[in-house]
């Protein structure tokens, strides 16, 4: 149906348009908690506009990977919203292209291409950022897979829409230990994957740079694509966390325009709740030394294992 096609396009456009706004809200809240003024919530949009109009400077050592990675990463982030419940609680025409593990694979592909590009530039900072990303990924990616496996075992399905329906219709499952363990495990992964763990830094400080180091050699429109893709990844992870696990209510049931708009507003309200918790955890916790990165990830891994065990005993 044409309506379903339009809804699918609306889901992608929602992620594309609102991802910088979510980033702006989180950054401003962080600054306000630290009693600083901080930039406005629309600053990410201004930054993207400025970068798209700046000159492109390319390192002499860069190969085709340098050009290819931002496009692939941006495309990956445009693909995942097709597979997950962003505005509706029912599958749309292309939602059956992949399941929840397929969506995780696409997210990982985008991050992998940026990591390779960081090495390809030949910069020392790019190498630092890429190597640190891989070190985090050694624990983060298996844990993410375990969380997705736990979700699959919980709903007996690999489709996120089925998980959403199960949690909405069965409060016993929602408040069960298996689901609560999965929520806790995914929340820790959310901190890691969105660079909110207290070993990260969004500034150009060598000791703490991870994400910024990988893209330090980029400029102009290519840097804008990477920044936008990073914001979209954050938006997608928040969407999975809210609409599939934590707050599966508030999605459009009939697919009407009014319902889709209300679902978008409800989604952003959910994001504000989760963002407040993320900002609190990030600012209240002392900055960790880098070699202690494995502690929260090990806790997340253990919680995912407990969720699987609890599900089998259910």
C-alpha atoms as a PDB file:
ATOM      1  CA  UNK A   1       0.000   0.000   0.000  1.00  0.00           C
ATOM      2  CA  UNK A   2       1.090   3.563  -0.678  1.00  0.00           C
ATOM      3  CA  UNK A   3       0.380   4.446   2.955  1.00  0.00           C
ATOM      4  CA  UNK A   4       2.856   1.849   4.220  1.00  0.00           C
ATOM      5  CA  UNK A   5       5.517   3.036   1.769  1.00  0.00           C
ATOM      6  CA  UNK A   6       5.043   6.611   2.972  1.00  0.00           C
ATOM      7  CA  UNK A   7       5.292   5.446   6.588  1.00  0.00           C
ATOM      8  CA  UNK A   8       8.538   3.660   5.805  1.00  0.00           C
ATOM      9  CA  UNK A   9       9.953   6.812   4.241  1.00  0.00           C
ATOM     10  CA  UNK A  10       8.716   8.789   7.257  1.00  0.00           C
ATOM     11  CA  UNK A  11      10.621   6.465   9.593  1.00  0.00           C
ATOM     12  CA  UNK A  12      13.880   7.071   7.757  1.00  0.00           C
ATOM     13  CA  UNK A  13      13.267  10.818   7.580  1.00  0.00           C
ATOM     14  CA  UNK A  14      12.475  10.905  11.305  1.00  0.00           C
ATOM     15  CA  UNK A  15      15.861   9.407  12.129  1.00  0.00           C
ATOM     16  CA  UNK A  16      17.596  11.607   9.571  1.00  0.00           C
ATOM     17  CA  UNK A  17      16.004  14.842  10.790  1.00  0.00           C
ATOM     18  CA  UNK A  18      15.847  14.362  14.565  1.00  0.00           C
ATOM     19  CA  UNK A  19      19.195  12.653  15.190  1.00  0.00           C
ATOM     20  CA  UNK A  20      21.154  15.953  15.447  1.00  0.00           C
ATOM     21  CA  UNK A  21      18.489  17.359  17.778  1.00  0.00           C
ATOM     22  CA  UNK A  22      18.919  14.444  20.202  1.00  0.00           C
ATOM     23  CA  UNK A  23      22.672  14.997  20.152  1.00  0.00           C
ATOM     24  CA  UNK A  24      22.162  18.702  20.856  1.00  0.00           C
ATOM     25  CA  UNK A  25      19.866  18.014  23.811  1.00  0.00           C
ATOM     26  CA  UNK A  26      22.303  15.560  25.390  1.00  0.00           C
ATOM     27  CA  UNK A  27      25.297  17.886  24.985  1.00  0.00           C
ATOM     28  CA  UNK A  28      23.410  20.849  26.439  1.00  0.00           C
ATOM     29  CA  UNK A  29      22.173  18.822  29.413  1.00  0.00           C
ATOM     30  CA  UNK A  30      25.701  17.647  30.116  1.00  0.00           C
ATOM     31  CA  UNK A  31      26.925  21.238  30.174  1.00  0.00           C
ATOM     32  CA  UNK A  32      24.047  22.408  32.351  1.00  0.00           C
ATOM     33  CA  UNK A  33      24.684  19.632  34.892  1.00  0.00           C
ATOM     34  CA  UNK A  34      28.270  20.856  35.077  1.00  0.00           C
ATOM     35  CA  UNK A  35      26.969  24.433  35.599  1.00  0.00           C
ATOM     36  CA  UNK A  36      28.128  25.615  32.180  1.00  0.00           C
ATOM     37  CA  UNK A  37      26.091  27.449  29.574  1.00  0.00           C
ATOM     38  CA  UNK A  38      26.707  24.991  26.762  1.00  0.00           C
ATOM     39  CA  UNK A  39      25.666  25.282  23.095  1.00  0.00           C
ATOM     40  CA  UNK A  40      22.057  25.443  21.999  1.00  0.00           C
ATOM     41  CA  UNK A  41      20.182  22.272  21.199  1.00  0.00           C
ATOM     42  CA  UNK A  42      20.215  23.190  17.493  1.00  0.00           C
ATOM     43  CA  UNK A  43      23.997  23.591  17.356  1.00  0.00           C
ATOM     44  CA  UNK A  44      24.544  20.198  15.628  1.00  0.00           C
ATOM     45  CA  UNK A  45      22.442  21.429  12.692  1.00  0.00           C
ATOM     46  CA  UNK A  46      24.579  24.568  12.429  1.00  0.00           C
ATOM     47  CA  UNK A  47      27.751  22.467  12.584  1.00  0.00           C
ATOM     48  CA  UNK A  48      26.541  20.201   9.782  1.00  0.00           C
ATOM     49  CA  UNK A  49      25.566  23.191   7.631  1.00  0.00           C
ATOM     50  CA  UNK A  50      28.992  24.730   8.171  1.00  0.00           C
ATOM     51  CA  UNK A  51      30.851  21.510   7.380  1.00  0.00           C
ATOM     52  CA  UNK A  52      28.891  20.901   4.182  1.00  0.00           C
ATOM     53  CA  UNK A  53      30.033  24.338   2.978  1.00  0.00           C
ATOM     54  CA  UNK A  54      33.683  23.950   3.930  1.00  0.00           C
ATOM     55  CA  UNK A  55      36.555  22.939   1.694  1.00  0.00           C
ATOM     56  CA  UNK A  56      37.559  19.276   1.595  1.00  0.00           C
ATOM     57  CA  UNK A  57      41.160  18.552   2.636  1.00  0.00           C
ATOM     58  CA  UNK A  58      42.392  15.013   1.919  1.00  0.00           C
ATOM     59  CA  UNK A  59      45.564  13.421   3.375  1.00  0.00           C
ATOM     60  CA  UNK A  60      48.169  12.448   0.786  1.00  0.00           C
ATOM     61  CA  UNK A  61      48.261   8.879   2.141  1.00  0.00           C
ATOM     62  CA  UNK A  62      44.509   8.323   1.824  1.00  0.00           C
ATOM     63  CA  UNK A  63      43.202   5.640  -0.516  1.00  0.00           C
ATOM     64  CA  UNK A  64      39.724   4.950  -1.880  1.00  0.00           C
ATOM     65  CA  UNK A  65      38.707   3.676   1.603  1.00  0.00           C
ATOM     66  CA  UNK A  66      38.978   7.239   2.908  1.00  0.00           C
ATOM     67  CA  UNK A  67      36.304   8.318   0.400  1.00  0.00           C
ATOM     68  CA  UNK A  68      34.224   5.168   0.629  1.00  0.00           C
ATOM     69  CA  UNK A  69      33.858   4.859   4.434  1.00  0.00           C
ATOM     70  CA  UNK A  70      31.687   7.952   5.152  1.00  0.00           C
ATOM     71  CA  UNK A  71      29.242   7.032   2.385  1.00  0.00           C
ATOM     72  CA  UNK A  72      28.948   3.427   3.590  1.00  0.00           C
ATOM     73  CA  UNK A  73      28.535   4.485   7.237  1.00  0.00           C
ATOM     74  CA  UNK A  74      25.854   7.027   6.332  1.00  0.00           C
ATOM     75  CA  UNK A  75      24.024   4.507   4.114  1.00  0.00           C
ATOM     76  CA  UNK A  76      24.069   1.899   6.880  1.00  0.00           C
ATOM     77  CA  UNK A  77      22.385   4.324   9.261  1.00  0.00           C
ATOM     78  CA  UNK A  78      19.718   5.037   6.652  1.00  0.00           C
ATOM     79  CA  UNK A  79      19.045   1.305   6.234  1.00  0.00           C
ATOM     80  CA  UNK A  80      18.484   0.244   9.860  1.00  0.00           C
ATOM     81  CA  UNK A  81      15.354   2.418  10.421  1.00  0.00           C
ATOM     82  CA  UNK A  82      13.652   0.355   7.723  1.00  0.00           C
ATOM     83  CA  UNK A  83      13.989  -2.764   9.899  1.00  0.00           C
ATOM     84  CA  UNK A  84      12.958  -1.505  13.348  1.00  0.00           C
ATOM     85  CA  UNK A  85       9.780  -0.013  14.890  1.00  0.00           C
ATOM     86  CA  UNK A  86      10.362   3.738  14.806  1.00  0.00           C
ATOM     87  CA  UNK A  87       6.806   5.024  14.335  1.00  0.00           C
ATOM     88  CA  UNK A  88       4.594   1.938  13.889  1.00  0.00           C
ATOM     89  CA  UNK A  89       4.172  -1.264  15.883  1.00  0.00           C
ATOM     90  CA  UNK A  90       3.628  -3.322  12.721  1.00  0.00           C
ATOM     91  CA  UNK A  91       6.070  -4.291   9.945  1.00  0.00           C
ATOM     92  CA  UNK A  92       6.235  -2.099   6.872  1.00  0.00           C
ATOM     93  CA  UNK A  93       6.924  -3.278   3.274  1.00  0.00           C
ATOM     94  CA  UNK A  94      10.715  -3.647   3.584  1.00  0.00           C
ATOM     95  CA  UNK A  95      10.883  -4.516   7.282  1.00  0.00           C
ATOM     96  CA  UNK A  96      11.287  -8.216   6.494  1.00  0.00           C
ATOM     97  CA  UNK A  97      14.616  -7.588   4.721  1.00  0.00           C
ATOM     98  CA  UNK A  98      16.386  -8.396   7.972  1.00  0.00           C
ATOM     99  CA  UNK A  99      15.812  -9.311  11.599  1.00  0.00           C
ATOM    100  CA  UNK A 100      17.248  -7.833  14.780  1.00  0.00           C
ATOM    101  CA  UNK A 101      20.621  -9.529  14.231  1.00  0.00           C
ATOM    102  CA  UNK A 102      20.704  -8.170  10.685  1.00  0.00           C
ATOM    103  CA  UNK A 103      20.182  -4.660  12.016  1.00  0.00           C
ATOM    104  CA  UNK A 104      23.052  -5.169  14.460  1.00  0.00           C
ATOM    105  CA  UNK A 105      25.266  -6.368  11.607  1.00  0.00           C
ATOM    106  CA  UNK A 106      24.514  -3.245   9.558  1.00  0.00           C
ATOM    107  CA  UNK A 107      25.332  -0.997  12.529  1.00  0.00           C
ATOM    108  CA  UNK A 108      28.602  -2.862  13.032  1.00  0.00           C
ATOM    109  CA  UNK A 109      29.459  -2.565   9.328  1.00  0.00           C
ATOM    110  CA  UNK A 110      29.231   1.221   9.511  1.00  0.00           C
ATOM    111  CA  UNK A 111      31.515   1.337  12.550  1.00  0.00           C
ATOM    112  CA  UNK A 112      33.947  -1.105  10.911  1.00  0.00           C
ATOM    113  CA  UNK A 113      34.313   1.084   7.826  1.00  0.00           C
ATOM    114  CA  UNK A 114      35.086   4.147   9.973  1.00  0.00           C
ATOM    115  CA  UNK A 115      37.689   2.124  11.879  1.00  0.00           C
ATOM    116  CA  UNK A 116      39.373   1.049   8.647  1.00  0.00           C
ATOM    117  CA  UNK A 117      39.301   4.637   7.399  1.00  0.00           C
ATOM    118  CA  UNK A 118      41.014   5.806  10.590  1.00  0.00           C
ATOM    119  CA  UNK A 119      43.877   3.428   9.853  1.00  0.00           C
ATOM    120  CA  UNK A 120      43.899   4.254   6.154  1.00  0.00           C
ATOM    121  CA  UNK A 121      44.655   7.929   6.723  1.00  0.00           C
ATOM    122  CA  UNK A 122      48.054   7.056   8.176  1.00  0.00           C
ATOM    123  CA  UNK A 123      47.573   9.467  11.077  1.00  0.00           C
ATOM    124  CA  UNK A 124      48.830   8.539  14.531  1.00  0.00           C
ATOM    125  CA  UNK A 125      45.571   9.776  16.020  1.00  0.00           C
ATOM    126  CA  UNK A 126      43.543   7.714  13.579  1.00  0.00           C
ATOM    127  CA  UNK A 127      45.502   4.635  14.607  1.00  0.00           C
ATOM    128  CA  UNK A 128      44.912   5.378  18.288  1.00  0.00           C
ATOM    129  CA  UNK A 129      41.183   5.827  17.802  1.00  0.00           C
ATOM    130  CA  UNK A 130      40.807   2.739  15.628  1.00  0.00           C
ATOM    131  CA  UNK A 131      42.821   0.499  17.969  1.00  0.00           C
ATOM    132  CA  UNK A 132      40.843   1.685  20.990  1.00  0.00           C
ATOM    133  CA  UNK A 133      37.584   1.116  19.146  1.00  0.00           C
ATOM    134  CA  UNK A 134      38.624  -2.450  18.345  1.00  0.00           C
ATOM    135  CA  UNK A 135      39.597  -3.060  21.978  1.00  0.00           C
ATOM    136  CA  UNK A 136      36.153  -1.921  23.090  1.00  0.00           C
ATOM    137  CA  UNK A 137      34.505  -3.925  20.323  1.00  0.00           C
ATOM    138  CA  UNK A 138      36.114  -7.174  21.496  1.00  0.00           C
ATOM    139  CA  UNK A 139      33.748  -7.122  24.478  1.00  0.00           C
ATOM    140  CA  UNK A 140      30.972  -4.841  23.209  1.00  0.00           C
ATOM    141  CA  UNK A 141      30.075  -6.715  20.007  1.00  0.00           C
ATOM    142  CA  UNK A 142      29.741 -10.217  21.564  1.00  0.00           C
ATOM    143  CA  UNK A 143      27.662  -8.666  24.360  1.00  0.00           C
ATOM    144  CA  UNK A 144      25.411  -6.957  21.821  1.00  0.00           C
ATOM    145  CA  UNK A 145      24.911 -10.280  20.058  1.00  0.00           C
ATOM    146  CA  UNK A 146      24.090 -11.957  23.380  1.00  0.00           C
ATOM    147  CA  UNK A 147      21.535  -9.249  24.146  1.00  0.00           C
ATOM    148  CA  UNK A 148      19.917  -9.801  20.755  1.00  0.00           C
ATOM    149  CA  UNK A 149      19.945 -13.572  21.359  1.00  0.00           C
ATOM    150  CA  UNK A 150      18.306 -12.976  24.743  1.00  0.00           C
ATOM    151  CA  UNK A 151      15.630 -10.844  23.087  1.00  0.00           C
ATOM    152  CA  UNK A 152      15.070 -13.579  20.500  1.00  0.00           C
ATOM    153  CA  UNK A 153      14.688 -16.271  23.162  1.00  0.00           C
ATOM    154  CA  UNK A 154      12.341 -14.043  25.135  1.00  0.00           C
ATOM    155  CA  UNK A 155       9.914 -13.548  22.238  1.00  0.00           C
ATOM    156  CA  UNK A 156      10.682 -16.769  20.314  1.00  0.00           C
ATOM    157  CA  UNK A 157      11.222 -14.539  17.305  1.00  0.00           C
ATOM    158  CA  UNK A 158      14.023 -12.455  15.770  1.00  0.00           C
ATOM    159  CA  UNK A 159      11.694  -9.662  14.648  1.00  0.00           C
ATOM    160  CA  UNK A 160      11.690  -6.568  16.908  1.00  0.00           C
ATOM    161  CA  UNK A 161       7.978  -5.991  16.238  1.00  0.00           C
ATOM    162  CA  UNK A 162       7.146  -9.335  17.883  1.00  0.00           C
ATOM    163  CA  UNK A 163       9.181  -8.389  20.952  1.00  0.00           C
ATOM    164  CA  UNK A 164       7.315  -5.092  21.157  1.00  0.00           C
ATOM    165  CA  UNK A 165       3.922  -6.829  21.049  1.00  0.00           C
ATOM    166  CA  UNK A 166       4.973  -9.405  23.657  1.00  0.00           C
ATOM    167  CA  UNK A 167       6.090  -6.803  26.200  1.00  0.00           C
ATOM    168  CA  UNK A 168       3.000  -4.651  25.662  1.00  0.00           C
ATOM    169  CA  UNK A 169       0.538  -7.539  25.959  1.00  0.00           C
ATOM    170  CA  UNK A 170       2.193  -9.514  28.764  1.00  0.00           C
ATOM    171  CA  UNK A 171       3.190  -7.437  31.830  1.00  0.00           C
ATOM    172  CA  UNK A 172       4.459 -10.605  33.505  1.00  0.00           C
ATOM    173  CA  UNK A 173       7.157 -10.930  30.849  1.00  0.00           C
ATOM    174  CA  UNK A 174       7.916  -7.199  30.976  1.00  0.00           C
ATOM    175  CA  UNK A 175       8.595  -7.288  34.714  1.00  0.00           C
ATOM    176  CA  UNK A 176      10.309 -10.670  34.568  1.00  0.00           C
ATOM    177  CA  UNK A 177      14.001 -11.026  35.465  1.00  0.00           C
ATOM    178  CA  UNK A 178      15.012 -12.006  31.924  1.00  0.00           C
ATOM    179  CA  UNK A 179      13.671  -8.762  30.473  1.00  0.00           C
ATOM    180  CA  UNK A 180      15.053  -6.589  33.288  1.00  0.00           C
ATOM    181  CA  UNK A 181      18.521  -8.119  32.850  1.00  0.00           C
ATOM    182  CA  UNK A 182      18.350  -7.369  29.121  1.00  0.00           C
ATOM    183  CA  UNK A 183      17.382  -3.741  29.794  1.00  0.00           C
ATOM    184  CA  UNK A 184      20.319  -3.303  32.175  1.00  0.00           C
ATOM    185  CA  UNK A 185      22.765  -4.964  29.762  1.00  0.00           C
ATOM    186  CA  UNK A 186      21.605  -2.872  26.813  1.00  0.00           C
ATOM    187  CA  UNK A 187      21.796   0.344  28.851  1.00  0.00           C
ATOM    188  CA  UNK A 188      25.500  -0.252  29.507  1.00  0.00           C
ATOM    189  CA  UNK A 189      26.028  -0.978  25.811  1.00  0.00           C
ATOM    190  CA  UNK A 190      24.185   2.247  25.034  1.00  0.00           C
ATOM    191  CA  UNK A 191      26.775   4.158  27.048  1.00  0.00           C
ATOM    192  CA  UNK A 192      29.621   2.432  25.218  1.00  0.00           C
ATOM    193  CA  UNK A 193      28.257   2.610  21.674  1.00  0.00           C
ATOM    194  CA  UNK A 194      27.276   6.290  21.975  1.00  0.00           C
ATOM    195  CA  UNK A 195      30.626   7.334  23.509  1.00  0.00           C
ATOM    196  CA  UNK A 196      29.130   8.113  26.935  1.00  0.00           C
ATOM    197  CA  UNK A 197      31.290   5.763  28.974  1.00  0.00           C
ATOM    198  CA  UNK A 198      33.520   7.829  31.310  1.00  0.00           C
ATOM    199  CA  UNK A 199      36.633   6.839  29.357  1.00  0.00           C
ATOM    200  CA  UNK A 200      35.508   8.733  26.254  1.00  0.00           C
ATOM    201  CA  UNK A 201      35.850  12.381  25.428  1.00  0.00           C
ATOM    202  CA  UNK A 202      34.049  14.350  22.752  1.00  0.00           C
ATOM    203  CA  UNK A 203      36.889  16.886  22.756  1.00  0.00           C
ATOM    204  CA  UNK A 204      40.302  16.729  21.110  1.00  0.00           C
ATOM    205  CA  UNK A 205      42.192  15.445  24.155  1.00  0.00           C
ATOM    206  CA  UNK A 206      44.644  12.730  23.130  1.00  0.00           C
ATOM    207  CA  UNK A 207      44.362  10.709  26.341  1.00  0.00           C
ATOM    208  CA  UNK A 208      40.619  10.178  25.984  1.00  0.00           C
ATOM    209  CA  UNK A 209      39.998  10.427  22.237  1.00  0.00           C
ATOM    210  CA  UNK A 210      38.304   7.436  20.638  1.00  0.00           C
ATOM    211  CA  UNK A 211      35.572   8.485  18.219  1.00  0.00           C
ATOM    212  CA  UNK A 212      37.109  11.887  17.539  1.00  0.00           C
ATOM    213  CA  UNK A 213      40.508  10.319  16.838  1.00  0.00           C
ATOM    214  CA  UNK A 214      39.110   8.009  14.145  1.00  0.00           C
ATOM    215  CA  UNK A 215      37.716  10.906  12.124  1.00  0.00           C
ATOM    216  CA  UNK A 216      40.335  13.539  12.944  1.00  0.00           C
ATOM    217  CA  UNK A 217      41.740  13.535   9.391  1.00  0.00           C
ATOM    218  CA  UNK A 218      38.342  14.206   7.831  1.00  0.00           C
ATOM    219  CA  UNK A 219      37.048  17.631   6.912  1.00  0.00           C
ATOM    220  CA  UNK A 220      34.287  19.351   4.988  1.00  0.00           C
ATOM    221  CA  UNK A 221      31.329  17.331   3.610  1.00  0.00           C
ATOM    222  CA  UNK A 222      32.899  13.953   4.435  1.00  0.00           C
ATOM    223  CA  UNK A 223      33.250  14.943   8.087  1.00  0.00           C
ATOM    224  CA  UNK A 224      29.642  16.161   8.026  1.00  0.00           C
ATOM    225  CA  UNK A 225      28.501  12.736   6.791  1.00  0.00           C
ATOM    226  CA  UNK A 226      30.443  11.022   9.584  1.00  0.00           C
ATOM    227  CA  UNK A 227      29.084  13.360  12.257  1.00  0.00           C
ATOM    228  CA  UNK A 228      25.547  12.885  10.952  1.00  0.00           C
ATOM    229  CA  UNK A 229      25.990   9.096  10.780  1.00  0.00           C
ATOM    230  CA  UNK A 230      27.227   9.068  14.389  1.00  0.00           C
ATOM    231  CA  UNK A 231      24.170  11.030  15.539  1.00  0.00           C
ATOM    232  CA  UNK A 232      21.897   8.677  13.584  1.00  0.00           C
ATOM    233  CA  UNK A 233      23.537   5.635  15.172  1.00  0.00           C
ATOM    234  CA  UNK A 234      22.837   7.111  18.590  1.00  0.00           C
ATOM    235  CA  UNK A 235      19.221   7.783  17.576  1.00  0.00           C
ATOM    236  CA  UNK A 236      18.811   4.208  16.287  1.00  0.00           C
ATOM    237  CA  UNK A 237      20.216   2.642  19.461  1.00  0.00           C
ATOM    238  CA  UNK A 238      17.913   4.821  21.564  1.00  0.00           C
ATOM    239  CA  UNK A 239      15.000   3.729  19.355  1.00  0.00           C
ATOM    240  CA  UNK A 240      15.770   0.041  19.816  1.00  0.00           C
ATOM    241  CA  UNK A 241      16.224   0.531  23.544  1.00  0.00           C
ATOM    242  CA  UNK A 242      12.975   2.488  23.969  1.00  0.00           C
ATOM    243  CA  UNK A 243      10.576   0.992  21.415  1.00  0.00           C
ATOM    244  CA  UNK A 244      11.689  -2.637  21.723  1.00  0.00           C
ATOM    245  CA  UNK A 245      12.849  -3.019  25.330  1.00  0.00           C
ATOM    246  CA  UNK A 246      12.226  -0.245  27.846  1.00  0.00           C
ATOM    247  CA  UNK A 247       9.118   1.687  26.739  1.00  0.00           C
ATOM    248  CA  UNK A 248       7.384  -0.308  23.974  1.00  0.00           C
ATOM    249  CA  UNK A 249       4.211   1.797  24.099  1.00  0.00           C
ATOM    250  CA  UNK A 250       3.185   4.887  22.136  1.00  0.00           C
ATOM    251  CA  UNK A 251       3.646   3.569  18.591  1.00  0.00           C
ATOM    252  CA  UNK A 252       1.127   4.046  15.803  1.00  0.00           C
ATOM    253  CA  UNK A 253      -1.244   1.077  15.560  1.00  0.00           C
ATOM    254  CA  UNK A 254      -3.343   2.020  12.526  1.00  0.00           C
ATOM    255  CA  UNK A 255      -0.678   3.889  10.580  1.00  0.00           C
ATOM    256  CA  UNK A 256      -2.606   7.139  10.236  1.00  0.00           C
ATOM    257  CA  UNK A 257      -0.728  10.415   9.731  1.00  0.00           C
ATOM    258  CA  UNK A 258      -1.886  11.769  13.110  1.00  0.00           C
ATOM    259  CA  UNK A 259      -0.819   8.559  14.841  1.00  0.00           C
ATOM    260  CA  UNK A 260       2.600   8.600  13.170  1.00  0.00           C
ATOM    261  CA  UNK A 261       3.167  12.218  14.230  1.00  0.00           C
ATOM    262  CA  UNK A 262       2.081  11.417  17.795  1.00  0.00           C
ATOM    263  CA  UNK A 263       4.427   8.401  17.774  1.00  0.00           C
ATOM    264  CA  UNK A 264       7.327  10.661  16.740  1.00  0.00           C
ATOM    265  CA  UNK A 265       6.560  13.055  19.603  1.00  0.00           C
ATOM    266  CA  UNK A 266       6.210  10.166  22.060  1.00  0.00           C
ATOM    267  CA  UNK A 267       9.485   8.701  20.826  1.00  0.00           C
ATOM    268  CA  UNK A 268      11.363  11.914  21.532  1.00  0.00           C
ATOM    269  CA  UNK A 269       9.796  12.143  24.996  1.00  0.00           C
ATOM    270  CA  UNK A 270      11.092   8.631  25.683  1.00  0.00           C
ATOM    271  CA  UNK A 271      14.505   9.736  24.471  1.00  0.00           C
ATOM    272  CA  UNK A 272      14.495  12.618  26.941  1.00  0.00           C
ATOM    273  CA  UNK A 273      13.879  10.190  29.807  1.00  0.00           C
ATOM    274  CA  UNK A 274      16.708   7.891  28.718  1.00  0.00           C
ATOM    275  CA  UNK A 275      18.994  10.843  27.934  1.00  0.00           C
ATOM    276  CA  UNK A 276      18.474  12.199  31.448  1.00  0.00           C
ATOM    277  CA  UNK A 277      19.572   8.847  32.886  1.00  0.00           C
ATOM    278  CA  UNK A 278      22.580   8.716  30.536  1.00  0.00           C
ATOM    279  CA  UNK A 279      23.673  12.246  31.440  1.00  0.00           C
ATOM    280  CA  UNK A 280      23.312  11.477  35.144  1.00  0.00           C
ATOM    281  CA  UNK A 281      25.407   8.310  34.916  1.00  0.00           C
ATOM    282  CA  UNK A 282      28.065   9.973  32.769  1.00  0.00           C
ATOM    283  CA  UNK A 283      28.477  13.050  34.966  1.00  0.00           C
ATOM    284  CA  UNK A 284      27.998  11.411  38.371  1.00  0.00           C
ATOM    285  CA  UNK A 285      30.593   8.718  37.718  1.00  0.00           C
ATOM    286  CA  UNK A 286      34.265   9.566  38.012  1.00  0.00           C
ATOM    287  CA  UNK A 287      36.292   9.291  34.821  1.00  0.00           C
ATOM    288  CA  UNK A 288      37.774   5.804  34.494  1.00  0.00           C
ATOM    289  CA  UNK A 289      41.293   5.036  33.459  1.00  0.00           C
ATOM    290  CA  UNK A 290      41.246   3.545  29.989  1.00  0.00           C
ATOM    291  CA  UNK A 291      42.408   0.066  30.998  1.00  0.00           C
ATOM    292  CA  UNK A 292      39.305  -0.275  33.197  1.00  0.00           C
ATOM    293  CA  UNK A 293      37.006  -0.168  30.176  1.00  0.00           C
ATOM    294  CA  UNK A 294      36.428  -3.903  30.529  1.00  0.00           C
ATOM    295  CA  UNK A 295      34.638  -3.571  33.884  1.00  0.00           C
ATOM    296  CA  UNK A 296      31.278  -2.129  32.695  1.00  0.00           C
ATOM    297  CA  UNK A 297      31.417  -4.252  29.548  1.00  0.00           C
ATOM    298  CA  UNK A 298      32.042  -7.389  31.608  1.00  0.00           C
ATOM    299  CA  UNK A 299      29.059  -6.442  33.770  1.00  0.00           C
ATOM    300  CA  UNK A 300      26.930  -6.044  30.651  1.00  0.00           C
ATOM    301  CA  UNK A 301      28.124  -9.409  29.332  1.00  0.00           C
ATOM    302  CA  UNK A 302      27.221 -11.067  32.649  1.00  0.00           C
ATOM    303  CA  UNK A 303      23.778  -9.459  32.667  1.00  0.00           C
ATOM    304  CA  UNK A 304      23.124 -10.745  29.144  1.00  0.00           C
ATOM    305  CA  UNK A 305      24.130 -14.275  30.235  1.00  0.00           C
ATOM    306  CA  UNK A 306      21.840 -14.030  33.276  1.00  0.00           C
ATOM    307  CA  UNK A 307      18.999 -12.913  31.004  1.00  0.00           C
ATOM    308  CA  UNK A 308      19.436 -15.990  28.812  1.00  0.00           C
ATOM    309  CA  UNK A 309      19.605 -18.295  31.844  1.00  0.00           C
ATOM    310  CA  UNK A 310      16.545 -16.651  33.456  1.00  0.00           C
ATOM    311  CA  UNK A 311      14.664 -17.013  30.197  1.00  0.00           C
ATOM    312  CA  UNK A 312      15.434 -20.728  30.053  1.00  0.00           C
ATOM    313  CA  UNK A 313      14.192 -21.155  33.625  1.00  0.00           C
ATOM    314  CA  UNK A 314      11.009 -19.212  32.954  1.00  0.00           C
END
